[in-house]
Amino acid sequence: MNSAVQSGLKQSKPFASLAEKAGVALSRTADEFNDRIAAFLKPYGISPTQYNVLRILRGAGTQGRMCSEIGDRMVTRDPDVTRLLDRLEKAGWIERERDTKDRRVVITRITRAGIALVNQIDEPLDSFNRKEFGRLGNKKLRELIALLDELRHSEAAG
């Protein structure tokens, strides 16, 4: 009997191992969840990666962040953070300025328009996440988070 992940992939051949099956299931689930988040954010005119950057900058406050700091804090890595910031600046959601002490350093800050956008998304996104994950219940959610943390911090991952 095929598992849900095998059926979803229209795969009749069994996986080589339970570990392979788990990896494929995790990748497939992450991909599907990312698609749902992207569809949720689309009416706001923003991508999940852009939203992530705006949240990082909102948390940074007036201090702002350097490009490398933003990249280090992102949920999903983006190989071209500079281009991502260019798009956010063009939309009026961030501003950048050179550091007065070291002209090589560029500090990025969220604008009032960027803060307004993220604040507008906060509550609906929380409702979206509660709907997506609510059926698992708090106990299973805590277990899921712990398992994912364990996977990310295992020696194999590093």
Foldseek 3Di string as FASTA:
>chain_A
DDDPLCVVVVHDDDDPDPVVVVVSVVVVVVVVVLVVVQVVCVVLVDHPQLLQLLVVQVVVPPVADWQVVSQVRGPDHDPCSVVSVVVCVVVVQKDWDADPVDRVTIGIHGDPVNVVSNVVVVPVVVVVVCVVCVVCPDVSVVVVVVVVVCVCPPPVND
